[in-house]
Structures are given as structure tokens and as C-alpha cells.
C-alpha atoms as a PDB file:
ATOM      1  CA  MET A   1      47.068  18.223  21.281  1.00  0.00           C
ATOM      2  CA  TRP A   2      50.548  19.864  20.154  1.00  0.00           C
ATOM      3  CA  PRO A   3      49.803  22.739  17.601  1.00  0.00           C
ATOM      4  CA  ALA A   4      52.728  23.839  14.875  1.00  0.00           C
ATOM      5  CA  HIS A   5      52.374  24.498  11.094  1.00  0.00           C
ATOM      6  CA  GLY A   6      48.944  25.104  11.281  1.00  0.00           C
ATOM      7  CA  THR A   7      47.383  21.466  12.451  1.00  0.00           C
ATOM      8  CA  LEU A   8      47.727  19.697  15.332  1.00  0.00           C
ATOM      9  CA  TRP A   9      50.433  16.640  16.113  1.00  0.00           C
ATOM     10  CA  CYS A  10      50.401  13.962  17.929  1.00  0.00           C
ATOM     11  CA  HIS A  11      53.592  11.298  19.218  1.00  0.00           C
ATOM     12  CA  LEU A  12      54.008   8.097  17.921  1.00  0.00           C
ATOM     13  CA  VAL A  13      55.868   5.455  20.087  1.00  0.00           C
ATOM     14  CA  SER A  14      57.207   2.185  20.757  1.00  0.00           C
ATOM     15  CA  ASP A  15      57.266   0.264  23.623  1.00  0.00           C
ATOM     16  CA  THR A  16      59.671  -2.417  22.194  1.00  0.00           C
ATOM     17  CA  SER A  17      62.649  -1.045  20.523  1.00  0.00           C
ATOM     18  CA  TYR A  18      63.122   2.119  17.801  1.00  0.00           C
ATOM     19  CA  GLU A  19      63.725  -0.472  14.933  1.00  0.00           C
ATOM     20  CA  GLU A  20      59.571  -1.375  15.577  1.00  0.00           C
ATOM     21  CA  LEU A  21      58.920   1.799  15.252  1.00  0.00           C
ATOM     22  CA  HIS A  22      61.016   2.606  12.271  1.00  0.00           C
ATOM     23  CA  GLU A  23      59.574  -0.618  10.588  1.00  0.00           C
ATOM     24  CA  PHE A  24      56.150   1.137  11.721  1.00  0.00           C
ATOM     25  CA  ALA A  25      56.378   4.182  10.224  1.00  0.00           C
ATOM     26  CA  LYS A  26      57.379   3.156   7.014  1.00  0.00           C
ATOM     27  CA  ARG A  27      54.207   1.317   6.479  1.00  0.00           C
ATOM     28  CA  VAL A  28      52.550   4.487   7.136  1.00  0.00           C
ATOM     29  CA  PRO A  29      54.423   6.052   5.280  1.00  0.00           C
ATOM     30  CA  LEU A  30      55.980   8.722   7.543  1.00  0.00           C
ATOM     31  CA  PRO A  31      59.327  10.330   6.732  1.00  0.00           C
ATOM     32  CA  ARG A  32      62.341   9.759   8.762  1.00  0.00           C
ATOM     33  CA  ARG A  33      62.342  13.722   8.967  1.00  0.00           C
ATOM     34  CA  GLY A  34      59.844  13.086  11.329  1.00  0.00           C
ATOM     35  CA  PHE A  35      61.719  11.242  13.686  1.00  0.00           C
ATOM     36  CA  ASP A  36      62.363  13.030  17.001  1.00  0.00           C
ATOM     37  CA  ILE A  37      64.857  11.441  18.992  1.00  0.00           C
ATOM     38  CA  ASP A  38      62.664   8.805  20.616  1.00  0.00           C
ATOM     39  CA  HIS A  39      59.136   9.434  18.835  1.00  0.00           C
ATOM     40  CA  TYR A  40      57.618  10.290  15.178  1.00  0.00           C
ATOM     41  CA  ASP A  41      55.698  13.281  15.181  1.00  0.00           C
ATOM     42  CA  VAL A  42      52.392  12.346  13.481  1.00  0.00           C
ATOM     43  CA  PRO A  43      49.657  15.258  12.146  1.00  0.00           C
ATOM     44  CA  ALA A  44      46.261  14.892  12.482  1.00  0.00           C
ATOM     45  CA  SER A  45      45.752  14.221   8.817  1.00  0.00           C
ATOM     46  CA  LEU A  46      47.423  10.911   9.384  1.00  0.00           C
ATOM     47  CA  HIS A  47      46.248  10.409  13.186  1.00  0.00           C
ATOM     48  CA  SER A  48      43.016   7.503  11.918  1.00  0.00           C
ATOM     49  CA  ARG A  49      45.653   5.640   9.712  1.00  0.00           C
ATOM     50  CA  VAL A  50      47.973   4.868  12.192  1.00  0.00           C
ATOM     51  CA  VAL A  51      45.339   3.681  14.813  1.00  0.00           C
ATOM     52  CA  ALA A  52      43.850   1.832  11.795  1.00  0.00           C
ATOM     53  CA  LEU A  53      47.407   0.349  11.342  1.00  0.00           C
ATOM     54  CA  GLY A  54      47.231  -0.964  14.796  1.00  0.00           C
ATOM     55  CA  ALA A  55      48.801   1.904  16.996  1.00  0.00           C
ATOM     56  CA  ASN A  56      46.733   2.292  20.144  1.00  0.00           C
ATOM     57  CA  GLU A  57      45.557   5.709  21.554  1.00  0.00           C
ATOM     58  CA  VAL A  58      46.844   6.789  24.762  1.00  0.00           C
ATOM     59  CA  SER A  59      47.613   9.497  26.808  1.00  0.00           C
ATOM     60  CA  ALA A  60      50.674  11.594  26.888  1.00  0.00           C
ATOM     61  CA  LYS A  61      51.013  10.912  30.253  1.00  0.00           C
ATOM     62  CA  GLU A  62      51.038   7.394  29.119  1.00  0.00           C
ATOM     63  CA  VAL A  63      53.388   7.821  26.152  1.00  0.00           C
ATOM     64  CA  VAL A  64      56.088   8.720  29.095  1.00  0.00           C
ATOM     65  CA  HIS A  65      55.163   5.421  30.915  1.00  0.00           C
ATOM     66  CA  LEU A  66      55.511   3.289  28.307  1.00  0.00           C
ATOM     67  CA  LEU A  67      58.603   4.901  26.757  1.00  0.00           C
ATOM     68  CA  ARG A  68      60.525   4.550  30.055  1.00  0.00           C
ATOM     69  CA  GLY A  69      59.757   1.394  30.884  1.00  0.00           C
ATOM     70  CA  ALA A  70      60.886   0.059  27.499  1.00  0.00           C
ATOM     71  CA  GLY A  71      64.035   2.162  28.522  1.00  0.00           C
ATOM     72  CA  LEU A  72      64.106   4.312  25.194  1.00  0.00           C
ATOM     73  CA  ARG A  73      62.635   7.802  26.998  1.00  0.00           C
ATOM     74  CA  VAL A  74      64.990  10.561  26.175  1.00  0.00           C
ATOM     75  CA  LYS A  75      64.669  13.318  28.674  1.00  0.00           C
ATOM     76  CA  HIS A  76      64.051  17.110  27.470  1.00  0.00           C
ATOM     77  CA  ILE A  77      67.714  18.067  29.362  1.00  0.00           C
ATOM     78  CA  ASP A  78      69.472  15.094  27.107  1.00  0.00           C
ATOM     79  CA  ARG A  79      67.919  15.629  23.918  1.00  0.00           C
ATOM     80  CA  ASP A  80      70.641  18.232  22.650  1.00  0.00           C
ATOM     81  CA  SER A  81      73.283  15.545  23.157  1.00  0.00           C
ATOM     82  CA  VAL A  82      71.426  12.568  22.059  1.00  0.00           C
ATOM     83  CA  ARG A  83      70.471  14.716  18.566  1.00  0.00           C
ATOM     84  CA  PRO A  84      73.939  14.269  16.997  1.00  0.00           C
ATOM     85  CA  VAL A  85      74.053  10.253  18.142  1.00  0.00           C
ATOM     86  CA  ARG A  86      70.764  10.012  16.731  1.00  0.00           C
ATOM     87  CA  ARG A  87      71.963  11.355  13.167  1.00  0.00           C
ATOM     88  CA  ARG A  88      75.303   9.050  13.335  1.00  0.00           C
ATOM     89  CA  GLU A  89      73.237   6.445  13.935  1.00  0.00           C
ATOM     90  CA  PHE A  90      70.911   7.108  11.103  1.00  0.00           C
ATOM     91  CA  LEU A  91      73.708   7.522   8.486  1.00  0.00           C
ATOM     92  CA  VAL A  92      75.621   4.212   9.551  1.00  0.00           C
ATOM     93  CA  ALA A  93      72.553   2.694   9.220  1.00  0.00           C
ATOM     94  CA  GLU A  94      71.685   3.994   5.687  1.00  0.00           C
ATOM     95  CA  TRP A  95      75.358   3.597   4.516  1.00  0.00           C
ATOM     96  CA  ALA A  96      75.321   0.044   5.501  1.00  0.00           C
ATOM     97  CA  LYS A  97      71.450  -0.572   3.159  1.00  0.00           C
ATOM     98  CA  LEU A  98      72.933   0.905   0.295  1.00  0.00           C
ATOM     99  CA  PRO A  99      75.119  -2.427  -1.255  1.00  0.00           C
ATOM    100  CA  GLU A 100      71.420  -3.641  -1.005  1.00  0.00           C
ATOM    101  CA  ILE A 101      69.725  -0.714  -2.623  1.00  0.00           C
ATOM    102  CA  THR A 102      71.995  -0.604  -5.446  1.00  0.00           C
ATOM    103  CA  ARG A 103      72.454  -4.511  -6.065  1.00  0.00           C
ATOM    104  CA  VAL A 104      75.799  -4.592  -5.449  1.00  0.00           C
ATOM    105  CA  SER A 105      77.476  -7.547  -3.896  1.00  0.00           C
ATOM    106  CA  LEU A 106      80.035  -7.597  -1.800  1.00  0.00           C
ATOM    107  CA  ARG A 107      82.416 -10.262  -1.315  1.00  0.00           C
ATOM    108  CA  GLY A 108      85.029 -11.155   1.318  1.00  0.00           C
ATOM    109  CA  ASN A 109      86.862  -8.368   2.798  1.00  0.00           C
ATOM    110  CA  GLN A 110      84.801  -5.725   0.154  1.00  0.00           C
ATOM    111  CA  VAL A 111      82.257  -5.919   3.307  1.00  0.00           C
ATOM    112  CA  ASN A 112      85.043  -4.345   5.797  1.00  0.00           C
ATOM    113  CA  ASP A 113      86.108  -2.078   2.592  1.00  0.00           C
ATOM    114  CA  TRP A 114      82.538  -1.073   2.247  1.00  0.00           C
ATOM    115  CA  ALA A 115      81.936  -0.040   6.131  1.00  0.00           C
ATOM    116  CA  ARG A 116      85.435   2.182   5.958  1.00  0.00           C
ATOM    117  CA  LEU A 117      84.633   3.659   3.232  1.00  0.00           C
ATOM    118  CA  GLY A 118      81.680   4.748   4.961  1.00  0.00           C
ATOM    119  CA  GLU A 119      83.489   5.668   7.974  1.00  0.00           C
ATOM    120  CA  GLU A 120      86.355   7.794   5.875  1.00  0.00           C
ATOM    121  CA  LEU A 121      82.910  10.071   4.270  1.00  0.00           C
ATOM    122  CA  ILE A 122      81.679  10.571   7.538  1.00  0.00           C
ATOM    123  CA  THR A 123      84.854  11.976   8.678  1.00  0.00           C
ATOM    124  CA  ARG A 124      85.280  14.132   5.668  1.00  0.00           C
ATOM    125  CA  TRP A 125      81.488  15.898   6.413  1.00  0.00           C
ATOM    126  CA  ASN A 126      82.583  16.575   9.742  1.00  0.00           C
ATOM    127  CA  GLU A 127      86.240  18.575   9.017  1.00  0.00           C
ATOM    128  CA  ALA A 128      86.299  21.321  11.159  1.00  0.00           C
ATOM    129  CA  HIS A 129      85.984  24.083   8.745  1.00  0.00           C
ATOM    130  CA  ARG A 130      82.330  23.632   7.362  1.00  0.00           C
ATOM    131  CA  SER A 131      79.630  25.136   9.466  1.00  0.00           C
ATOM    132  CA  TYR A 132      76.911  23.785   6.908  1.00  0.00           C
ATOM    133  CA  HIS A 133      78.319  21.344   4.205  1.00  0.00           C
ATOM    134  CA  ASN A 134      78.089  19.115   6.902  1.00  0.00           C
ATOM    135  CA  GLU A 135      76.711  15.543   8.062  1.00  0.00           C
ATOM    136  CA  LYS A 136      73.609  17.591   8.975  1.00  0.00           C
ATOM    137  CA  HIS A 137      73.135  19.153   5.621  1.00  0.00           C
ATOM    138  CA  LEU A 138      74.035  15.232   4.286  1.00  0.00           C
ATOM    139  CA  GLU A 139      71.153  14.089   6.859  1.00  0.00           C
ATOM    140  CA  ASP A 140      69.074  16.773   5.223  1.00  0.00           C
ATOM    141  CA  VAL A 141      69.499  15.329   1.877  1.00  0.00           C
ATOM    142  CA  LEU A 142      68.788  12.112   2.540  1.00  0.00           C
ATOM    143  CA  PHE A 143      66.010  13.002   4.962  1.00  0.00           C
ATOM    144  CA  SER A 144      65.013  15.269   2.062  1.00  0.00           C
ATOM    145  CA  LEU A 145      64.921  12.003  -0.331  1.00  0.00           C
ATOM    146  CA  ASP A 146      63.358   9.745   1.954  1.00  0.00           C
ATOM    147  CA  GLN A 147      60.149  12.803   2.027  1.00  0.00           C
ATOM    148  CA  LEU A 148      60.008  12.409  -1.596  1.00  0.00           C
ATOM    149  CA  GLY A 149      59.935   8.830  -1.535  1.00  0.00           C
ATOM    150  CA  THR A 150      57.011   9.160   0.803  1.00  0.00           C
ATOM    151  CA  ARG A 151      55.194  11.319  -1.805  1.00  0.00           C
ATOM    152  CA  GLY A 152      55.020   9.150  -4.535  1.00  0.00           C
ATOM    153  CA  GLU A 153      58.625   9.456  -6.026  1.00  0.00           C
ATOM    154  CA  ARG A 154      60.699   6.065  -6.941  1.00  0.00           C
ATOM    155  CA  ILE A 155      63.917   7.323  -5.622  1.00  0.00           C
ATOM    156  CA  GLN A 156      66.777   6.171  -7.871  1.00  0.00           C
ATOM    157  CA  PRO A 157      69.963   4.265  -6.635  1.00  0.00           C
ATOM    158  CA  VAL A 158      72.089   6.199  -8.237  1.00  0.00           C
ATOM    159  CA  THR A 159      70.539   9.359  -6.589  1.00  0.00           C
ATOM    160  CA  LEU A 160      71.448   8.070  -2.843  1.00  0.00           C
ATOM    161  CA  LEU A 161      74.636   6.924  -3.935  1.00  0.00           C
ATOM    162  CA  SER A 162      75.732  10.771  -5.490  1.00  0.00           C
ATOM    163  CA  ALA A 163      73.715  12.360  -2.397  1.00  0.00           C
ATOM    164  CA  TRP A 164      76.689  10.594  -0.286  1.00  0.00           C
ATOM    165  CA  PHE A 165      79.806  12.295  -2.417  1.00  0.00           C
ATOM    166  CA  HIS A 166      77.745  15.608  -3.475  1.00  0.00           C
ATOM    167  CA  ASP A 167      80.277  17.722  -0.894  1.00  0.00           C
ATOM    168  CA  ALA A 168      82.287  15.030   0.278  1.00  0.00           C
ATOM    169  CA  VAL A 169      84.846  17.818  -1.036  1.00  0.00           C
ATOM    170  CA  TYR A 170      84.197  20.886   0.246  1.00  0.00           C
ATOM    171  CA  GLN A 171      87.388  23.712   0.225  1.00  0.00           C
ATOM    172  CA  GLY A 172      84.303  26.509  -0.516  1.00  0.00           C
ATOM    173  CA  GLN A 173      86.175  26.094  -4.363  1.00  0.00           C
ATOM    174  CA  PRO A 174      84.279  26.330  -8.125  1.00  0.00           C
ATOM    175  CA  THR A 175      86.259  22.735  -8.296  1.00  0.00           C
ATOM    176  CA  ASP A 176      84.533  21.040  -5.171  1.00  0.00           C
ATOM    177  CA  GLU A 177      81.961  19.317  -7.375  1.00  0.00           C
ATOM    178  CA  HIS A 178      84.332  18.216  -9.614  1.00  0.00           C
ATOM    179  CA  ALA A 179      87.110  16.948  -6.697  1.00  0.00           C
ATOM    180  CA  SER A 180      83.882  15.314  -5.010  1.00  0.00           C
ATOM    181  CA  ALA A 181      82.697  13.310  -8.383  1.00  0.00           C
ATOM    182  CA  GLU A 182      86.776  12.411  -9.024  1.00  0.00           C
ATOM    183  CA  LEU A 183      86.732  11.355  -5.383  1.00  0.00           C
ATOM    184  CA  ALA A 184      83.221   8.796  -5.854  1.00  0.00           C
ATOM    185  CA  VAL A 185      84.338   7.403  -9.030  1.00  0.00           C
ATOM    186  CA  SER A 186      87.942   6.329  -7.774  1.00  0.00           C
ATOM    187  CA  SER A 187      86.130   5.584  -4.074  1.00  0.00           C
ATOM    188  CA  LEU A 188      83.260   3.431  -5.718  1.00  0.00           C
ATOM    189  CA  SER A 189      85.586   1.658  -8.660  1.00  0.00           C
ATOM    190  CA  HIS A 190      86.599  -1.025  -5.888  1.00  0.00           C
ATOM    191  CA  PHE A 191      83.130  -2.400  -6.076  1.00  0.00           C
ATOM    192  CA  ASP A 192      80.903  -3.781  -8.577  1.00  0.00           C
ATOM    193  CA  PHE A 193      79.290  -0.849  -9.539  1.00  0.00           C
ATOM    194  CA  GLY A 194      80.065  -0.426 -13.154  1.00  0.00           C
ATOM    195  CA  SER A 195      80.958   1.803 -15.300  1.00  0.00           C
ATOM    196  CA  ALA A 196      77.714   3.169 -16.342  1.00  0.00           C
ATOM    197  CA  VAL A 197      76.774   3.751 -12.537  1.00  0.00           C
ATOM    198  CA  LEU A 198      79.953   5.986 -11.749  1.00  0.00           C
ATOM    199  CA  GLN A 199      79.496   7.848 -15.045  1.00  0.00           C
ATOM    200  CA  GLN A 200      76.402   8.878 -13.929  1.00  0.00           C
ATOM    201  CA  VAL A 201      77.324   9.709 -10.403  1.00  0.00           C
ATOM    202  CA  SER A 202      79.767  11.851 -11.617  1.00  0.00           C
ATOM    203  CA  GLU A 203      77.184  13.915 -13.818  1.00  0.00           C
ATOM    204  CA  TYR A 204      75.109  13.830 -11.076  1.00  0.00           C
ATOM    205  CA  ILE A 205      77.386  15.254  -8.469  1.00  0.00           C
ATOM    206  CA  ILE A 206      78.830  17.966 -10.892  1.00  0.00           C
ATOM    207  CA  ALA A 207      75.269  18.942 -12.067  1.00  0.00           C
ATOM    208  CA  THR A 208      75.147  20.200  -7.609  1.00  0.00           C
ATOM    209  CA  SER A 209      77.343  22.931  -8.486  1.00  0.00           C
ATOM    210  CA  PRO A 210      75.354  26.191  -8.179  1.00  0.00           C
ATOM    211  CA  THR A 211      77.794  27.261 -11.748  1.00  0.00           C
ATOM    212  CA  GLU A 212      76.255  24.486 -13.793  1.00  0.00           C
ATOM    213  CA  SER A 213      73.613  24.103 -15.721  1.00  0.00           C
ATOM    214  CA  PRO A 214      72.757  20.775 -16.583  1.00  0.00           C
ATOM    215  CA  LYS A 215      71.662  20.222 -21.069  1.00  0.00           C
ATOM    216  CA  SER A 216      69.193  17.105 -19.449  1.00  0.00           C
ATOM    217  CA  VAL A 217      67.647  16.174 -15.915  1.00  0.00           C
ATOM    218  CA  ASP A 218      66.871  12.807 -15.633  1.00  0.00           C
ATOM    219  CA  PRO A 219      64.137  11.779 -12.964  1.00  0.00           C
ATOM    220  CA  GLY A 220      67.134  10.749 -10.776  1.00  0.00           C
ATOM    221  CA  LEU A 221      69.025  14.163 -10.803  1.00  0.00           C
ATOM    222  CA  ALA A 222      66.070  16.032 -10.645  1.00  0.00           C
ATOM    223  CA  GLN A 223      65.701  14.114  -7.267  1.00  0.00           C
ATOM    224  CA  LEU A 224      69.131  14.768  -5.521  1.00  0.00           C
ATOM    225  CA  LEU A 225      68.779  18.540  -7.176  1.00  0.00           C
ATOM    226  CA  ASP A 226      65.806  18.976  -5.143  1.00  0.00           C
ATOM    227  CA  ALA A 227      66.903  17.138  -2.147  1.00  0.00           C
ATOM    228  CA  ASP A 228      70.386  19.235  -2.118  1.00  0.00           C
ATOM    229  CA  LEU A 229      67.818  22.643  -2.467  1.00  0.00           C
ATOM    230  CA  ALA A 230      65.027  21.088   0.056  1.00  0.00           C
ATOM    231  CA  ILE A 231      66.831  23.568   2.880  1.00  0.00           C
ATOM    232  CA  PHE A 232      65.374  26.613   1.372  1.00  0.00           C
ATOM    233  CA  ALA A 233      61.862  25.532   2.743  1.00  0.00           C
ATOM    234  CA  ALA A 234      62.819  24.905   5.747  1.00  0.00           C
ATOM    235  CA  GLY A 235      60.576  26.504   8.854  1.00  0.00           C
ATOM    236  CA  GLU A 236      62.133  30.061   9.545  1.00  0.00           C
ATOM    237  CA  SER A 237      64.362  29.192  13.051  1.00  0.00           C
ATOM    238  CA  ARG A 238      66.162  26.630  10.939  1.00  0.00           C
ATOM    239  CA  TYR A 239      66.313  28.800   7.883  1.00  0.00           C
ATOM    240  CA  GLN A 240      67.749  31.144  10.036  1.00  0.00           C
ATOM    241  CA  GLN A 241      70.234  28.406  11.123  1.00  0.00           C
ATOM    242  CA  TYR A 242      71.496  27.796   7.269  1.00  0.00           C
ATOM    243  CA  ALA A 243      72.230  31.116   6.347  1.00  0.00           C
ATOM    244  CA  GLU A 244      74.175  31.911   9.488  1.00  0.00           C
ATOM    245  CA  ALA A 245      75.884  28.959   8.583  1.00  0.00           C
ATOM    246  CA  VAL A 246      76.518  29.596   5.101  1.00  0.00           C
ATOM    247  CA  ARG A 247      77.490  33.039   6.328  1.00  0.00           C
ATOM    248  CA  GLY A 248      80.050  31.040   9.055  1.00  0.00           C
ATOM    249  CA  GLU A 249      81.703  29.262   5.758  1.00  0.00           C
ATOM    250  CA  TYR A 250      82.669  32.266   4.339  1.00  0.00           C
ATOM    251  CA  ALA A 251      84.191  34.626   6.261  1.00  0.00           C
ATOM    252  CA  HIS A 252      86.563  35.872   5.642  1.00  0.00           C
ATOM    253  CA  ILE A 253      84.813  37.443   2.691  1.00  0.00           C
ATOM    254  CA  ALA A 254      83.767  40.821   3.432  1.00  0.00           C
ATOM    255  CA  THR A 255      80.467  41.870   4.619  1.00  0.00           C
ATOM    256  CA  GLU A 256      79.115  43.468   1.495  1.00  0.00           C
ATOM    257  CA  ASP A 257      80.971  41.679  -0.929  1.00  0.00           C
ATOM    258  CA  PHE A 258      79.044  38.212   0.735  1.00  0.00           C
ATOM    259  CA  SER A 259      75.852  39.868   0.606  1.00  0.00           C
ATOM    260  CA  LYS A 260      76.069  41.368  -2.927  1.00  0.00           C
ATOM    261  CA  ALA A 261      76.950  37.457  -4.227  1.00  0.00           C
ATOM    262  CA  ARG A 262      74.962  35.694  -1.720  1.00  0.00           C
ATOM    263  CA  ALA A 263      71.884  37.638  -3.060  1.00  0.00           C
ATOM    264  CA  GLY A 264      72.912  37.225  -6.470  1.00  0.00           C
ATOM    265  CA  ILE A 265      72.555  33.649  -6.584  1.00  0.00           C
ATOM    266  CA  LEU A 266      69.435  33.471  -4.526  1.00  0.00           C
ATOM    267  CA  ASN A 267      67.914  35.886  -6.873  1.00  0.00           C
ATOM    268  CA  GLN A 268      69.035  33.204  -9.937  1.00  0.00           C
ATOM    269  CA  TYR A 269      66.497  31.104  -7.858  1.00  0.00           C
ATOM    270  CA  LEU A 270      63.363  32.914  -7.298  1.00  0.00           C
ATOM    271  CA  GLU A 271      63.772  34.443 -11.185  1.00  0.00           C
ATOM    272  CA  GLN A 272      63.382  30.443 -12.474  1.00  0.00           C
ATOM    273  CA  PRO A 273      59.980  29.518 -12.984  1.00  0.00           C
ATOM    274  CA  ARG A 274      59.920  27.440 -10.401  1.00  0.00           C
ATOM    275  CA  ILE A 275      62.523  26.192  -7.803  1.00  0.00           C
ATOM    276  CA  TYR A 276      61.949  22.574  -7.591  1.00  0.00           C
ATOM    277  CA  ARG A 277      61.937  19.771 -10.661  1.00  0.00           C
ATOM    278  CA  THR A 278      59.953  17.547  -9.249  1.00  0.00           C
ATOM    279  CA  GLU A 279      56.064  17.616  -8.487  1.00  0.00           C
ATOM    280  CA  SER A 280      56.112  16.545  -5.249  1.00  0.00           C
ATOM    281  CA  ALA A 281      58.941  18.150  -4.015  1.00  0.00           C
ATOM    282  CA  HIS A 282      57.457  21.685  -6.011  1.00  0.00           C
ATOM    283  CA  GLU A 283      54.199  20.374  -3.949  1.00  0.00           C
ATOM    284  CA  ILE A 284      55.365  20.882  -0.554  1.00  0.00           C
ATOM    285  CA  TRP A 285      58.512  23.215  -0.775  1.00  0.00           C
ATOM    286  CA  GLU A 286      58.156  26.035  -3.516  1.00  0.00           C
ATOM    287  CA  SER A 287      55.839  28.608  -1.667  1.00  0.00           C
ATOM    288  CA  ARG A 288      57.591  28.300   1.752  1.00  0.00           C
ATOM    289  CA  ALA A 289      61.112  28.376  -0.236  1.00  0.00           C
ATOM    290  CA  ARG A 290      60.246  31.139  -1.985  1.00  0.00           C
ATOM    291  CA  ASP A 291      59.069  33.289   0.780  1.00  0.00           C
ATOM    292  CA  ASN A 292      62.561  32.381   2.428  1.00  0.00           C
ATOM    293  CA  LEU A 293      64.700  33.359  -0.328  1.00  0.00           C
ATOM    294  CA  ALA A 294      62.779  36.707  -0.091  1.00  0.00           C
ATOM    295  CA  ARG A 295      63.503  37.764   3.393  1.00  0.00           C
ATOM    296  CA  GLU A 296      67.280  36.291   3.020  1.00  0.00           C
ATOM    297  CA  ILE A 297      68.066  38.586   0.034  1.00  0.00           C
ATOM    298  CA  SER A 298      66.015  41.955   1.972  1.00  0.00           C
ATOM    299  CA  GLN A 299      68.474  40.945   4.820  1.00  0.00           C
ATOM    300  CA  LEU A 300      71.383  41.195   2.661  1.00  0.00           C
ATOM    301  CA  GLN A 301      70.701  44.057   0.767  1.00  0.00           C
ATOM    302  CA  SER A 302      70.623  45.966   3.978  1.00  0.00           C
ATOM    303  CA  ASN A 303      74.552  45.284   4.195  1.00  0.00           C
ATOM    304  CA  PHE A 304      74.899  47.361   0.919  1.00  0.00           C
ATOM    305  CA  LYS A 305      76.648  50.741   0.724  1.00  0.00           C
ATOM    306  CA  ASN A 306      74.038  53.646  -1.075  1.00  0.00           C
END
């Protein structure tokens, strides 16, 4: 009954637990990005599949009643304060799953060491000087990889590792990606990943730099590069927030200088035959990304002096 993005949507909830809700969503599959505090947004095209998998059709009032009864309802007034809590819960859970996904065994104190490393990384992603390259960006990249997975992409474990470290060092300098790669190698070398994996993680992270042109792009790197640029295809309001956050990280640069440099970078993406390398990303993000970039470039050009 909720119109948005050219279709209608319904809400999928659990009357038992969020864990049950997430497990059910994986079976559909629904992207984790579709989870909104206490429910999943389900497009009309997937409604019949969700019901066929066992969901019960109920009214909007019943949805609210069931959530309240299960203690899972989040009031509208509380949503903004709960959102960062949900984000942190998601990140902690995703980090905890990585050893199993990457088939690395943690022995003895390594379990605590792994948890501690995750905490250190999340602390880095929340440094005060970050306005865009923060934990929300990390969440967006992980969400985007998950979304590609729901479209049939086999997300590589090394891609997930690289995602966590790709902006772990961020000072707005050309050396940031190299520093992040060094941090990843030094941190992960304490666990049994092997030199080949560490080398691949390092290469993936360095390749995310706008100034890098990797000689070859394998499927795992293509996934990371696409997820890192998925923000280009955000909805108009979210894209505007992104553009403002990027400007905030370069507040020390004069408006005209920033606008010219930023427009030049964005134009480079538009001049490419395609922004996204994987077929899934190209299909779902390319058109909207080009519209967003063209609109921002037009806004930036208004800051140029004649």
C-alpha cells in the first residue's frame, strides 16, 4: 500500500525476533538494505513469493499490533536514535561472521583478538574528521555487496575482507589507500589467512583509489569497486547528503577549487563506457548513477568563475 520508486511496497515483520526476520529475508532473497529498523520493505514484485514462502498477509494495523506484542516495534519518534544502534549491531555481527566465511580457524586467544580488531576498525571508521568515509559508508558498501549477492553475484570472501579495510585509514590524502592496505596486511597477518590472501587484499584496497587504474580486474575486485561506487546510484535525497558529506571532508579547500576538482573527477566516471563492472551493478545502478553525477556536475559548475 506504500508507493515509492515507481512501485508499491509492503512491510515484512516477525512476531518472534529480528533473527527470524533476517533468516526469512535471506530465503526470498531480500537485500539487507531493505531492513528498516524493525521491518523489511518488500516490493510488489516479490509479494507473492514472500507469501508462498510462508509469510501471512495481514493489515497495516495488525503489523503494528504484532510488532508491539513481540516487543519489536520502534516508534517513529525513536527511529533516528535507533538507526545508528542497528548499524552498529549489523557491523559487529558481520565482522564476527568473517572468519567462517573466509574459512579461517580462530584458536585460543585469537577469538578475542579478532573481536578486538573489529572494535578497532569500527573506531577508525568513526574518527571525528570523517563526514562521508565513516561507518555509514562501510555499511553502505557491505549492503551493496549483499544486494549484488541477491542478484546472483557470488561475493568473494577476499572482497568482504577488503571492504572492511578499504578506507580504514582516511586523512584525505593520496596515500590513504596504500596506508589502509598496509594496515590490513599487518592486522590480518596475525591470523591464518596466508600470504596469497593478504597480497590480494592489499591489491584490492589500493585499486579503490580514484587515481589507480588496475591492469586487470577479477570478479572479486569488480564487486568491491562497484560496491564502493554504489552511492552514485542513491536516491536523490541520499545522494545530496553524500555530496554534502564529501564537501565537508574538504572544507579547508576553497569552493571554486573544490568544485573544479570534484567536477573533473565525476566527469571521468561519466566519460567511461560504463561506471559499473559487474552486470548486476550495471543493470540496477548505472542509469540512476549517471543522472546523479550529471546533476551534481551542473551544480558544481555554478561555482566556477567566468
